[in-house]
PDB file of N, CA and C in Angstrom:
ATOM      1  N   MET A   1       0.826  -1.259  -0.073  1.00  0.00           N
ATOM      2  CA  MET A   1       0.102   0.091   0.096  1.00  0.00           C
ATOM      3  C   MET A   1       0.647   1.343  -0.183  1.00  0.00           C
ATOM      4  N   LEU A   2       2.110   1.440   0.858  1.00  0.00           N
ATOM      5  CA  LEU A   2       2.725   2.549   0.488  1.00  0.00           C
ATOM      6  C   LEU A   2       3.140   2.232  -0.960  1.00  0.00           C
ATOM      7  N   LEU A   3       3.815   1.643  -1.325  1.00  0.00           N
ATOM      8  CA  LEU A   3       4.282   1.817  -2.857  1.00  0.00           C
ATOM      9  C   LEU A   3       3.111   2.379  -3.839  1.00  0.00           C
ATOM     10  N   PHE A   4       1.822   2.005  -3.388  1.00  0.00           N
ATOM     11  CA  PHE A   4       0.871   2.756  -4.349  1.00  0.00           C
ATOM     12  C   PHE A   4       0.602   4.303  -3.810  1.00  0.00           C
ATOM     13  N   VAL A   5       0.859   4.564  -2.261  1.00  0.00           N
ATOM     14  CA  VAL A   5       0.597   5.936  -2.036  1.00  0.00           C
ATOM     15  C   VAL A   5       1.908   6.933  -2.699  1.00  0.00           C
ATOM     16  N   ILE A   6       2.853   6.462  -2.446  1.00  0.00           N
ATOM     17  CA  ILE A   6       3.898   6.855  -3.107  1.00  0.00           C
ATOM     18  C   ILE A   6       3.932   7.025  -4.876  1.00  0.00           C
ATOM     19  N   GLY A   7       3.823   6.231  -5.359  1.00  0.00           N
ATOM     20  CA  GLY A   7       3.351   6.573  -6.621  1.00  0.00           C
ATOM     21  C   GLY A   7       2.133   7.231  -7.334  1.00  0.00           C
ATOM     22  N   LEU A   8       1.266   7.187  -6.396  1.00  0.00           N
ATOM     23  CA  LEU A   8      -0.476   8.033  -6.575  1.00  0.00           C
ATOM     24  C   LEU A   8       0.876   9.690  -6.401  1.00  0.00           C
ATOM     25  N   LEU A   9       0.751   9.901  -4.844  1.00  0.00           N
ATOM     26  CA  LEU A   9       1.284  11.371  -4.902  1.00  0.00           C
ATOM     27  C   LEU A   9       2.589  11.664  -5.965  1.00  0.00           C
ATOM     28  N   SER A  10       3.368  11.091  -6.236  1.00  0.00           N
ATOM     29  CA  SER A  10       4.418  11.073  -7.461  1.00  0.00           C
ATOM     30  C   SER A  10       3.856  11.491  -8.443  1.00  0.00           C
ATOM     31  N   GLY A  11       3.054  10.567  -9.190  1.00  0.00           N
ATOM     32  CA  GLY A  11       2.086  10.850 -10.250  1.00  0.00           C
ATOM     33  C   GLY A  11       1.189  12.325 -10.246  1.00  0.00           C
ATOM     34  N   MET A  12       0.410  12.787  -9.096  1.00  0.00           N
ATOM     35  CA  MET A  12      -0.224  13.652  -9.043  1.00  0.00           C
ATOM     36  C   MET A  12       0.604  15.106  -9.269  1.00  0.00           C
ATOM     37  N   VAL A  13       1.791  15.029  -8.492  1.00  0.00           N
ATOM     38  CA  VAL A  13       2.564  16.062  -8.523  1.00  0.00           C
ATOM     39  C   VAL A  13       3.509  16.402  -9.772  1.00  0.00           C
ATOM     40  N   GLY A  14       3.561  15.025 -10.717  1.00  0.00           N
ATOM     41  CA  GLY A  14       4.242  15.087 -11.737  1.00  0.00           C
ATOM     42  C   GLY A  14       3.086  15.786 -12.876  1.00  0.00           C
ATOM     43  N   GLY A  15       1.728  15.277 -12.399  1.00  0.00           N
ATOM     44  CA  GLY A  15       0.801  15.884 -13.721  1.00  0.00           C
ATOM     45  C   GLY A  15       0.727  17.380 -13.508  1.00  0.00           C
ATOM     46  N   MET A  16       0.993  18.139 -12.510  1.00  0.00           N
ATOM     47  CA  MET A  16       1.126  19.278 -11.992  1.00  0.00           C
ATOM     48  C   MET A  16       2.225  20.090 -13.020  1.00  0.00           C
ATOM     49  N   GLY A  17       2.985  19.321 -13.008  1.00  0.00           N
ATOM     50  CA  GLY A  17       4.172  19.743 -13.661  1.00  0.00           C
ATOM     51  C   GLY A  17       5.517  20.387 -13.104  1.00  0.00           C
ATOM     52  N   ILE A  18       5.599  20.055 -11.476  1.00  0.00           N
ATOM     53  CA  ILE A  18       6.139  20.477 -10.676  1.00  0.00           C
ATOM     54  C   ILE A  18       7.498  19.118 -10.823  1.00  0.00           C
ATOM     55  N   GLY A  19       7.365  17.984 -10.673  1.00  0.00           N
ATOM     56  CA  GLY A  19       8.319  16.975 -11.152  1.00  0.00           C
ATOM     57  C   GLY A  19       7.853  15.743 -10.315  1.00  0.00           C
ATOM     58  N   GLY A  20       7.648  14.655 -10.476  1.00  0.00           N
ATOM     59  CA  GLY A  20       7.419  13.534  -9.535  1.00  0.00           C
ATOM     60  C   GLY A  20       8.491  13.015  -8.935  1.00  0.00           C
ATOM     61  N   GLY A  21       9.764  13.345  -9.408  1.00  0.00           N
ATOM     62  CA  GLY A  21      10.534  12.923  -8.774  1.00  0.00           C
ATOM     63  C   GLY A  21      11.048  13.394  -7.389  1.00  0.00           C
ATOM     64  N   THR A  22      10.503  14.919  -7.555  1.00  0.00           N
ATOM     65  CA  THR A  22      10.396  15.977  -6.081  1.00  0.00           C
ATOM     66  C   THR A  22      10.005  14.739  -4.903  1.00  0.00           C
ATOM     67  N   ILE A  23       9.014  13.796  -5.100  1.00  0.00           N
ATOM     68  CA  ILE A  23       8.384  13.324  -4.212  1.00  0.00           C
ATOM     69  C   ILE A  23       8.613  11.620  -4.367  1.00  0.00           C
ATOM     70  N   LEU A  24       8.820  10.871  -5.483  1.00  0.00           N
ATOM     71  CA  LEU A  24       9.278   9.560  -5.809  1.00  0.00           C
ATOM     72  C   LEU A  24      10.634   9.269  -4.857  1.00  0.00           C
ATOM     73  N   ILE A  25      11.715  10.020  -5.473  1.00  0.00           N
ATOM     74  CA  ILE A  25      12.787   9.623  -4.991  1.00  0.00           C
ATOM     75  C   ILE A  25      13.509   9.772  -3.472  1.00  0.00           C
ATOM     76  N   PRO A  26      12.807  10.888  -3.032  1.00  0.00           N
ATOM     77  CA  PRO A  26      12.742  10.930  -1.153  1.00  0.00           C
ATOM     78  C   PRO A  26      12.050   9.711  -0.866  1.00  0.00           C
ATOM     79  N   SER A  27      10.868   9.593  -1.046  1.00  0.00           N
ATOM     80  CA  SER A  27      10.031   8.696  -0.650  1.00  0.00           C
ATOM     81  C   SER A  27      10.321   7.321  -0.581  1.00  0.00           C
ATOM     82  N   LEU A  28      11.260   6.881  -1.854  1.00  0.00           N
ATOM     83  CA  LEU A  28      11.522   5.613  -2.083  1.00  0.00           C
ATOM     84  C   LEU A  28      12.946   5.020  -0.881  1.00  0.00           C
ATOM     85  N   ILE A  29      13.674   6.111  -0.867  1.00  0.00           N
ATOM     86  CA  ILE A  29      14.808   6.122  -0.272  1.00  0.00           C
ATOM     87  C   ILE A  29      14.529   6.218   1.659  1.00  0.00           C
ATOM     88  N   LEU A  30      13.707   6.889   1.952  1.00  0.00           N
ATOM     89  CA  LEU A  30      13.296   6.781   3.440  1.00  0.00           C
ATOM     90  C   LEU A  30      12.482   6.003   3.702  1.00  0.00           C
ATOM     91  N   PHE A  31      11.736   5.824   2.939  1.00  0.00           N
ATOM     92  CA  PHE A  31      10.105   4.721   3.593  1.00  0.00           C
ATOM     93  C   PHE A  31      10.725   3.418   2.945  1.00  0.00           C
ATOM     94  N   THR A  32      11.184   2.805   1.798  1.00  0.00           N
ATOM     95  CA  THR A  32      11.284   1.402   1.296  1.00  0.00           C
ATOM     96  C   THR A  32      12.741   1.260   0.984  1.00  0.00           C
ATOM     97  N   GLY A  33      13.642   1.841   1.627  1.00  0.00           N
ATOM     98  CA  GLY A  33      15.181   1.799   1.618  1.00  0.00           C
ATOM     99  C   GLY A  33      16.103   1.150   0.397  1.00  0.00           C
ATOM    100  N   THR A  34      15.441   1.940  -0.620  1.00  0.00           N
ATOM    101  CA  THR A  34      15.995   1.483  -1.771  1.00  0.00           C
ATOM    102  C   THR A  34      16.968   2.898  -1.944  1.00  0.00           C
ATOM    103  N   THR A  35      18.148   2.120  -2.817  1.00  0.00           N
ATOM    104  CA  THR A  35      19.457   2.986  -2.887  1.00  0.00           C
ATOM    105  C   THR A  35      19.109   4.397  -3.859  1.00  0.00           C
ATOM    106  N   GLN A  36      19.766   4.888  -3.634  1.00  0.00           N
ATOM    107  CA  GLN A  36      20.002   6.444  -4.564  1.00  0.00           C
ATOM    108  C   GLN A  36      19.647   6.261  -5.647  1.00  0.00           C
ATOM    109  N   HIS A  37      20.851   5.168  -6.273  1.00  0.00           N
ATOM    110  CA  HIS A  37      20.710   4.887  -7.825  1.00  0.00           C
ATOM    111  C   HIS A  37      19.782   4.408  -8.158  1.00  0.00           C
ATOM    112  N   ALA A  38      19.064   3.246  -8.021  1.00  0.00           N
ATOM    113  CA  ALA A  38      17.993   2.507  -7.789  1.00  0.00           C
ATOM    114  C   ALA A  38      16.931   3.651  -7.693  1.00  0.00           C
ATOM    115  N   ALA A  39      16.555   4.614  -6.947  1.00  0.00           N
ATOM    116  CA  ALA A  39      15.202   5.357  -7.021  1.00  0.00           C
ATOM    117  C   ALA A  39      15.676   6.429  -8.185  1.00  0.00           C
ATOM    118  N   GLN A  40      16.831   7.087  -8.116  1.00  0.00           N
ATOM    119  CA  GLN A  40      16.574   7.728  -9.522  1.00  0.00           C
ATOM    120  C   GLN A  40      16.279   7.046 -10.691  1.00  0.00           C
ATOM    121  N   GLY A  41      16.800   5.682 -10.892  1.00  0.00           N
ATOM    122  CA  GLY A  41      16.549   5.056 -12.211  1.00  0.00           C
ATOM    123  C   GLY A  41      15.090   4.814 -11.867  1.00  0.00           C
ATOM    124  N   ILE A  42      14.230   4.270 -11.059  1.00  0.00           N
ATOM    125  CA  ILE A  42      12.996   4.273 -11.095  1.00  0.00           C
ATOM    126  C   ILE A  42      12.330   5.588 -11.571  1.00  0.00           C
ATOM    127  N   ASN A  43      12.473   6.894 -10.860  1.00  0.00           N
ATOM    128  CA  ASN A  43      12.225   7.687 -11.356  1.00  0.00           C
ATOM    129  C   ASN A  43      12.589   7.744 -12.771  1.00  0.00           C
ATOM    130  N   LEU A  44      13.120   7.530 -13.219  1.00  0.00           N
ATOM    131  CA  LEU A  44      13.139   7.919 -14.823  1.00  0.00           C
ATOM    132  C   LEU A  44      12.550   7.112 -15.237  1.00  0.00           C
ATOM    133  N   ALA A  45      12.225   5.769 -15.177  1.00  0.00           N
ATOM    134  CA  ALA A  45      11.749   4.548 -16.216  1.00  0.00           C
ATOM    135  C   ALA A  45      10.022   5.016 -15.877  1.00  0.00           C
ATOM    136  N   SER A  46       9.612   5.814 -14.390  1.00  0.00           N
ATOM    137  CA  SER A  46       8.363   6.119 -14.373  1.00  0.00           C
ATOM    138  C   SER A  46       8.138   7.176 -15.281  1.00  0.00           C
ATOM    139  N   PHE A  47       8.809   8.314 -15.960  1.00  0.00           N
ATOM    140  CA  PHE A  47       8.733   9.208 -16.454  1.00  0.00           C
ATOM    141  C   PHE A  47       8.414   8.872 -18.044  1.00  0.00           C
ATOM    142  N   ILE A  48       8.980   7.792 -18.419  1.00  0.00           N
ATOM    143  CA  ILE A  48       8.608   7.548 -19.795  1.00  0.00           C
ATOM    144  C   ILE A  48       7.457   7.443 -20.503  1.00  0.00           C
ATOM    145  N   PRO A  49       6.497   6.707 -19.561  1.00  0.00           N
ATOM    146  CA  PRO A  49       5.144   6.801 -20.094  1.00  0.00           C
ATOM    147  C   PRO A  49       4.686   8.140 -20.063  1.00  0.00           C
ATOM    148  N   THR A  50       4.787   8.711 -18.814  1.00  0.00           N
ATOM    149  CA  THR A  50       4.077  10.239 -19.099  1.00  0.00           C
ATOM    150  C   THR A  50       4.655  10.982 -20.685  1.00  0.00           C
ATOM    151  N   ALA A  51       5.996  11.141 -20.373  1.00  0.00           N
ATOM    152  CA  ALA A  51       6.569  11.758 -21.038  1.00  0.00           C
ATOM    153  C   ALA A  51       5.993  11.447 -22.639  1.00  0.00           C
ATOM    154  N   ILE A  52       5.907  10.377 -23.010  1.00  0.00           N
ATOM    155  CA  ILE A  52       5.084   9.608 -24.631  1.00  0.00           C
ATOM    156  C   ILE A  52       3.844  10.171 -24.384  1.00  0.00           C
ATOM    157  N   ALA A  53       3.228  10.064 -23.285  1.00  0.00           N
ATOM    158  CA  ALA A  53       1.933  10.536 -23.642  1.00  0.00           C
ATOM    159  C   ALA A  53       1.642  12.084 -23.632  1.00  0.00           C
ATOM    160  N   ALA A  54       2.767  13.021 -22.949  1.00  0.00           N
ATOM    161  CA  ALA A  54       2.330  13.917 -23.423  1.00  0.00           C
ATOM    162  C   ALA A  54       3.039  14.777 -24.637  1.00  0.00           C
ATOM    163  N   ILE A  55       3.788  13.966 -25.161  1.00  0.00           N
ATOM    164  CA  ILE A  55       4.316  14.151 -26.844  1.00  0.00           C
ATOM    165  C   ILE A  55       2.981  14.119 -27.750  1.00  0.00           C
ATOM    166  N   PHE A  56       2.433  13.009 -27.357  1.00  0.00           N
ATOM    167  CA  PHE A  56       1.367  12.544 -28.291  1.00  0.00           C
ATOM    168  C   PHE A  56       0.298  14.214 -28.222  1.00  0.00           C
ATOM    169  N   ILE A  57       0.033  14.266 -27.519  1.00  0.00           N
ATOM    170  CA  ILE A  57      -1.299  15.212 -26.910  1.00  0.00           C
ATOM    171  C   ILE A  57      -0.496  16.389 -27.057  1.00  0.00           C
ATOM    172  N   HIS A  58       0.444  16.894 -27.029  1.00  0.00           N
ATOM    173  CA  HIS A  58       1.144  18.088 -27.660  1.00  0.00           C
ATOM    174  C   HIS A  58       1.318  18.129 -29.052  1.00  0.00           C
ATOM    175  N   ALA A  59       1.845  17.192 -29.711  1.00  0.00           N
ATOM    176  CA  ALA A  59       1.774  17.258 -30.915  1.00  0.00           C
ATOM    177  C   ALA A  59       0.429  17.073 -31.760  1.00  0.00           C
ATOM    178  N   ARG A  60      -0.805  16.298 -30.905  1.00  0.00           N
ATOM    179  CA  ARG A  60      -2.068  16.574 -31.922  1.00  0.00           C
ATOM    180  C   ARG A  60      -2.311  17.903 -31.518  1.00  0.00           C
ATOM    181  N   ASN A  61      -2.313  18.597 -31.014  1.00  0.00           N
ATOM    182  CA  ASN A  61      -2.492  20.113 -30.245  1.00  0.00           C
ATOM    183  C   ASN A  61      -1.582  21.364 -31.286  1.00  0.00           C
ATOM    184  N   GLY A  62      -0.751  20.452 -31.889  1.00  0.00           N
ATOM    185  CA  GLY A  62      -0.208  21.540 -32.932  1.00  0.00           C
ATOM    186  C   GLY A  62       0.793  21.980 -31.731  1.00  0.00           C
ATOM    187  N   HIS A  63       1.430  21.983 -30.452  1.00  0.00           N
ATOM    188  CA  HIS A  63       2.272  22.601 -29.989  1.00  0.00           C
ATOM    189  C   HIS A  63       3.730  22.006 -29.822  1.00  0.00           C
ATOM    190  N   VAL A  64       4.093  21.463 -30.822  1.00  0.00           N
ATOM    191  CA  VAL A  64       5.506  20.743 -30.788  1.00  0.00           C
ATOM    192  C   VAL A  64       6.165  21.276 -32.373  1.00  0.00           C
ATOM    193  N   ARG A  65       7.015  21.797 -32.099  1.00  0.00           N
ATOM    194  CA  ARG A  65       7.998  22.556 -33.039  1.00  0.00           C
ATOM    195  C   ARG A  65       8.887  21.085 -33.350  1.00  0.00           C
ATOM    196  N   PHE A  66       9.020  20.440 -34.519  1.00  0.00           N
ATOM    197  CA  PHE A  66       9.628  19.092 -34.508  1.00  0.00           C
ATOM    198  C   PHE A  66      11.077  19.427 -34.547  1.00  0.00           C
ATOM    199  N   LYS A  67      11.459  20.409 -35.508  1.00  0.00           N
ATOM    200  CA  LYS A  67      12.734  20.820 -35.891  1.00  0.00           C
ATOM    201  C   LYS A  67      13.820  21.242 -34.454  1.00  0.00           C
ATOM    202  N   LEU A  68      12.827  21.413 -33.758  1.00  0.00           N
ATOM    203  CA  LEU A  68      13.590  22.338 -32.351  1.00  0.00           C
ATOM    204  C   LEU A  68      13.864  21.112 -31.328  1.00  0.00           C
ATOM    205  N   ALA A  69      12.296  20.299 -31.230  1.00  0.00           N
ATOM    206  CA  ALA A  69      12.484  19.073 -30.940  1.00  0.00           C
ATOM    207  C   ALA A  69      13.275  17.870 -30.918  1.00  0.00           C
ATOM    208  N   PHE A  70      14.148  17.704 -32.384  1.00  0.00           N
ATOM    209  CA  PHE A  70      14.742  16.748 -32.746  1.00  0.00           C
ATOM    210  C   PHE A  70      16.031  16.983 -31.676  1.00  0.00           C
ATOM    211  N   HIS A  71      16.443  18.494 -32.304  1.00  0.00           N
ATOM    212  CA  HIS A  71      17.839  18.914 -31.302  1.00  0.00           C
ATOM    213  C   HIS A  71      17.534  18.786 -30.099  1.00  0.00           C
ATOM    214  N   LEU A  72      16.684  19.115 -29.195  1.00  0.00           N
ATOM    215  CA  LEU A  72      16.656  18.649 -28.159  1.00  0.00           C
ATOM    216  C   LEU A  72      16.723  17.178 -27.563  1.00  0.00           C
ATOM    217  N   ILE A  73      15.891  16.374 -28.221  1.00  0.00           N
ATOM    218  CA  ILE A  73      15.808  15.020 -27.870  1.00  0.00           C
ATOM    219  C   ILE A  73      17.977  14.523 -28.560  1.00  0.00           C
ATOM    220  N   LEU A  74      18.056  15.196 -29.200  1.00  0.00           N
ATOM    221  CA  LEU A  74      19.477  14.620 -29.277  1.00  0.00           C
ATOM    222  C   LEU A  74      20.562  14.683 -28.317  1.00  0.00           C
ATOM    223  N   SER A  75      20.552  16.390 -27.925  1.00  0.00           N
ATOM    224  CA  SER A  75      21.488  16.931 -27.036  1.00  0.00           C
ATOM    225  C   SER A  75      21.076  16.441 -25.374  1.00  0.00           C
ATOM    226  N   GLY A  76      19.350  15.863 -25.274  1.00  0.00           N
ATOM    227  CA  GLY A  76      19.482  15.324 -24.085  1.00  0.00           C
ATOM    228  C   GLY A  76      19.556  13.871 -23.826  1.00  0.00           C
ATOM    229  N   THR A  77      19.594  13.229 -25.045  1.00  0.00           N
ATOM    230  CA  THR A  77      20.066  11.703 -25.172  1.00  0.00           C
ATOM    231  C   THR A  77      21.538  11.744 -24.171  1.00  0.00           C
ATOM    232  N   LEU A  78      22.119  12.588 -25.426  1.00  0.00           N
ATOM    233  CA  LEU A  78      23.885  12.917 -24.848  1.00  0.00           C
ATOM    234  C   LEU A  78      23.903  13.339 -23.495  1.00  0.00           C
ATOM    235  N   GLY A  79      23.470  14.110 -23.089  1.00  0.00           N
ATOM    236  CA  GLY A  79      23.179  14.549 -21.398  1.00  0.00           C
ATOM    237  C   GLY A  79      22.824  13.525 -20.716  1.00  0.00           C
ATOM    238  N   ALA A  80      21.781  12.689 -21.057  1.00  0.00           N
ATOM    239  CA  ALA A  80      21.095  11.659 -19.861  1.00  0.00           C
ATOM    240  C   ALA A  80      22.515  10.280 -19.920  1.00  0.00           C
ATOM    241  N   VAL A  81      23.228  10.046 -21.195  1.00  0.00           N
ATOM    242  CA  VAL A  81      23.621   8.757 -21.130  1.00  0.00           C
ATOM    243  C   VAL A  81      25.004   9.450 -20.757  1.00  0.00           C
ATOM    244  N   SER A  82      25.785  10.510 -20.707  1.00  0.00           N
ATOM    245  CA  SER A  82      26.574  10.911 -19.916  1.00  0.00           C
ATOM    246  C   SER A  82      26.412  11.150 -18.187  1.00  0.00           C
ATOM    247  N   GLY A  83      25.371  11.792 -18.341  1.00  0.00           N
ATOM    248  CA  GLY A  83      24.730  11.922 -16.609  1.00  0.00           C
ATOM    249  C   GLY A  83      24.720  10.306 -16.031  1.00  0.00           C
ATOM    250  N   SER A  84      24.002   9.340 -16.693  1.00  0.00           N
ATOM    251  CA  SER A  84      24.123   8.098 -15.741  1.00  0.00           C
ATOM    252  C   SER A  84      25.461   7.352 -15.811  1.00  0.00           C
ATOM    253  N   VAL A  85      26.185   7.709 -16.835  1.00  0.00           N
ATOM    254  CA  VAL A  85      27.709   7.209 -16.660  1.00  0.00           C
ATOM    255  C   VAL A  85      28.436   7.832 -15.453  1.00  0.00           C
ATOM    256  N   LEU A  86      28.199   9.129 -15.467  1.00  0.00           N
ATOM    257  CA  LEU A  86      28.439   9.578 -14.315  1.00  0.00           C
ATOM    258  C   LEU A  86      28.602   9.263 -13.249  1.00  0.00           C
ATOM    259  N   ALA A  87      26.808   9.380 -12.930  1.00  0.00           N
ATOM    260  CA  ALA A  87      26.400   8.898 -11.541  1.00  0.00           C
ATOM    261  C   ALA A  87      26.799   7.346 -11.359  1.00  0.00           C
ATOM    262  N   SER A  88      27.092   6.172 -12.327  1.00  0.00           N
ATOM    263  CA  SER A  88      27.407   5.151 -11.904  1.00  0.00           C
ATOM    264  C   SER A  88      28.949   4.783 -10.826  1.00  0.00           C
ATOM    265  N   TYR A  89      29.711   6.067 -11.630  1.00  0.00           N
ATOM    266  CA  TYR A  89      31.101   6.161 -10.666  1.00  0.00           C
ATOM    267  C   TYR A  89      30.852   7.015  -9.484  1.00  0.00           C
ATOM    268  N   MET A  90      29.838   7.629  -8.862  1.00  0.00           N
ATOM    269  CA  MET A  90      29.323   8.246  -8.202  1.00  0.00           C
ATOM    270  C   MET A  90      28.957   7.400  -6.465  1.00  0.00           C
ATOM    271  N   SER A  91      29.351   7.754  -5.371  1.00  0.00           N
ATOM    272  CA  SER A  91      28.782   7.437  -4.124  1.00  0.00           C
ATOM    273  C   SER A  91      27.218   7.459  -4.040  1.00  0.00           C
ATOM    274  N   ALA A  92      26.719   6.544  -3.161  1.00  0.00           N
ATOM    275  CA  ALA A  92      25.205   6.993  -3.237  1.00  0.00           C
ATOM    276  C   ALA A  92      25.092   8.431  -2.262  1.00  0.00           C
ATOM    277  N   SER A  93      26.161   8.476  -1.402  1.00  0.00           N
ATOM    278  CA  SER A  93      26.064   9.795  -0.171  1.00  0.00           C
ATOM    279  C   SER A  93      26.459  10.740  -1.376  1.00  0.00           C
ATOM    280  N   VAL A  94      27.237  10.938  -2.103  1.00  0.00           N
ATOM    281  CA  VAL A  94      27.734  12.084  -3.024  1.00  0.00           C
ATOM    282  C   VAL A  94      26.304  12.349  -3.726  1.00  0.00           C
ATOM    283  N   LEU A  95      25.760  11.072  -4.659  1.00  0.00           N
ATOM    284  CA  LEU A  95      24.671  11.235  -5.440  1.00  0.00           C
ATOM    285  C   LEU A  95      23.495  12.017  -4.684  1.00  0.00           C
ATOM    286  N   ARG A  96      23.152  11.514  -3.201  1.00  0.00           N
ATOM    287  CA  ARG A  96      21.918  12.124  -2.664  1.00  0.00           C
ATOM    288  C   ARG A  96      22.350  13.378  -2.039  1.00  0.00           C
ATOM    289  N   LYS A  97      23.478  14.047  -1.982  1.00  0.00           N
ATOM    290  CA  LYS A  97      23.744  15.401  -1.466  1.00  0.00           C
ATOM    291  C   LYS A  97      23.676  16.406  -3.024  1.00  0.00           C
ATOM    292  N   MET A  98      24.096  15.817  -4.222  1.00  0.00           N
ATOM    293  CA  MET A  98      23.745  16.531  -5.190  1.00  0.00           C
ATOM    294  C   MET A  98      22.379  16.579  -5.553  1.00  0.00           C
ATOM    295  N   PHE A  99      21.895  15.757  -5.349  1.00  0.00           N
ATOM    296  CA  PHE A  99      20.296  15.559  -5.727  1.00  0.00           C
ATOM    297  C   PHE A  99      19.474  17.042  -4.765  1.00  0.00           C
ATOM    298  N   GLY A 100      19.806  16.659  -3.562  1.00  0.00           N
ATOM    299  CA  GLY A 100      19.222  17.684  -2.566  1.00  0.00           C
ATOM    300  C   GLY A 100      19.548  18.939  -3.200  1.00  0.00           C
ATOM    301  N   ILE A 101      20.918  19.235  -3.344  1.00  0.00           N
ATOM    302  CA  ILE A 101      21.446  20.690  -4.070  1.00  0.00           C
ATOM    303  C   ILE A 101      20.508  20.964  -5.039  1.00  0.00           C
ATOM    304  N   PHE A 102      20.389  19.959  -5.923  1.00  0.00           N
ATOM    305  CA  PHE A 102      19.540  20.393  -6.889  1.00  0.00           C
ATOM    306  C   PHE A 102      18.248  20.676  -6.515  1.00  0.00           C
ATOM    307  N   LEU A 103      17.573  20.043  -5.941  1.00  0.00           N
ATOM    308  CA  LEU A 103      15.759  20.203  -5.318  1.00  0.00           C
ATOM    309  C   LEU A 103      15.996  21.788  -4.346  1.00  0.00           C
ATOM    310  N   LEU A 104      16.921  22.025  -3.831  1.00  0.00           N
ATOM    311  CA  LEU A 104      17.205  23.429  -3.041  1.00  0.00           C
ATOM    312  C   LEU A 104      17.090  24.433  -4.258  1.00  0.00           C
ATOM    313  N   VAL A 105      18.212  24.467  -4.744  1.00  0.00           N
ATOM    314  CA  VAL A 105      18.473  25.446  -6.260  1.00  0.00           C
ATOM    315  C   VAL A 105      17.044  25.462  -6.946  1.00  0.00           C
ATOM    316  N   MET A 106      16.276  24.161  -7.300  1.00  0.00           N
ATOM    317  CA  MET A 106      15.238  24.646  -8.339  1.00  0.00           C
ATOM    318  C   MET A 106      14.016  25.507  -7.456  1.00  0.00           C
ATOM    319  N   GLY A 107      13.933  24.906  -6.126  1.00  0.00           N
ATOM    320  CA  GLY A 107      13.259  25.221  -5.240  1.00  0.00           C
ATOM    321  C   GLY A 107      13.007  26.730  -4.639  1.00  0.00           C
ATOM    322  N   VAL A 108      14.252  27.480  -4.913  1.00  0.00           N
ATOM    323  CA  VAL A 108      14.873  28.974  -4.623  1.00  0.00           C
ATOM    324  C   VAL A 108      14.483  29.737  -6.219  1.00  0.00           C
ATOM    325  N   TYR A 109      15.051  28.775  -7.349  1.00  0.00           N
ATOM    326  CA  TYR A 109      14.485  29.417  -8.238  1.00  0.00           C
ATOM    327  C   TYR A 109      12.982  29.619  -8.656  1.00  0.00           C
ATOM    328  N   GLU A 110      12.016  28.535  -8.176  1.00  0.00           N
ATOM    329  CA  GLU A 110      10.736  28.640  -8.594  1.00  0.00           C
ATOM    330  C   GLU A 110       9.894  29.836  -7.922  1.00  0.00           C
ATOM    331  N   LEU A 111      10.985  30.200  -6.460  1.00  0.00           N
ATOM    332  CA  LEU A 111      10.059  31.053  -5.602  1.00  0.00           C
ATOM    333  C   LEU A 111      10.582  32.215  -6.286  1.00  0.00           C
ATOM    334  N   LEU A 112      11.502  32.203  -6.809  1.00  0.00           N
ATOM    335  CA  LEU A 112      12.116  33.776  -7.316  1.00  0.00           C
ATOM    336  C   LEU A 112      11.245  34.345  -8.619  1.00  0.00           C
ATOM    337  N   ARG A 113      10.919  32.992  -9.480  1.00  0.00           N
ATOM    338  CA  ARG A 113      10.592  32.991 -10.883  1.00  0.00           C
ATOM    339  C   ARG A 113       8.919  33.498 -10.644  1.00  0.00           C
ATOM    340  N   ARG A 114       8.214  32.825  -9.744  1.00  0.00           N
ATOM    341  CA  ARG A 114       7.166  33.100  -9.322  1.00  0.00           C
ATOM    342  C   ARG A 114       7.045  35.100  -8.864  1.00  0.00           C
ATOM    343  N   ASP A 115       7.701  35.193  -7.978  1.00  0.00           N
ATOM    344  CA  ASP A 115       7.728  36.794  -7.787  1.00  0.00           C
ATOM    345  C   ASP A 115       7.902  37.421  -8.586  1.00  0.00           C
ATOM    346  N   LYS A 116       8.647  37.531 -10.326  1.00  0.00           N
ATOM    347  CA  LYS A 116       8.762  38.250 -11.339  1.00  0.00           C
ATOM    348  C   LYS A 116       7.453  38.261 -11.693  1.00  0.00           C
ATOM    349  N   LYS A 117       6.786  36.800 -12.022  1.00  0.00           N
ATOM    350  CA  LYS A 117       5.699  36.815 -12.732  1.00  0.00           C
ATOM    351  C   LYS A 117       4.203  37.862 -11.959  1.00  0.00           C
ATOM    352  N   GLN A 118       4.333  37.735 -10.633  1.00  0.00           N
ATOM    353  CA  GLN A 118       2.778  38.754 -10.008  1.00  0.00           C
ATOM    354  C   GLN A 118       3.681  40.165 -10.066  1.00  0.00           C
ATOM    355  N   LYS A 119       5.035  40.292 -10.414  1.00  0.00           N
ATOM    356  CA  LYS A 119       4.923  42.103 -10.721  1.00  0.00           C
ATOM    357  C   LYS A 119       4.556  42.308 -11.968  1.00  0.00           C
TER     358      LYS A 119
END
């Protein structure tokens, strides 16, 4: 039941555009004893169906610039492969700290960005 609740919350947050990994990764580590590497891998795997559905919906609605998307897919794939190779050489402790810093930076960025939108 715990995994169901974690998945449900992660999916809801991801569906709002915030990023389900902000819930999924810490929850898997804290509540299920999953390693940092495995939790990040699970997060990436759970993102694939959501991304595929989003691509089809946005393409059908005419919101995809395919030439730009092609370049982003190429560079994103290169970045993903490079990042996964780099992460495989890091200890779980370092990876966890880097993820925490990333979440902190993104949280501060979102707070500052929202203030600019309101002005």
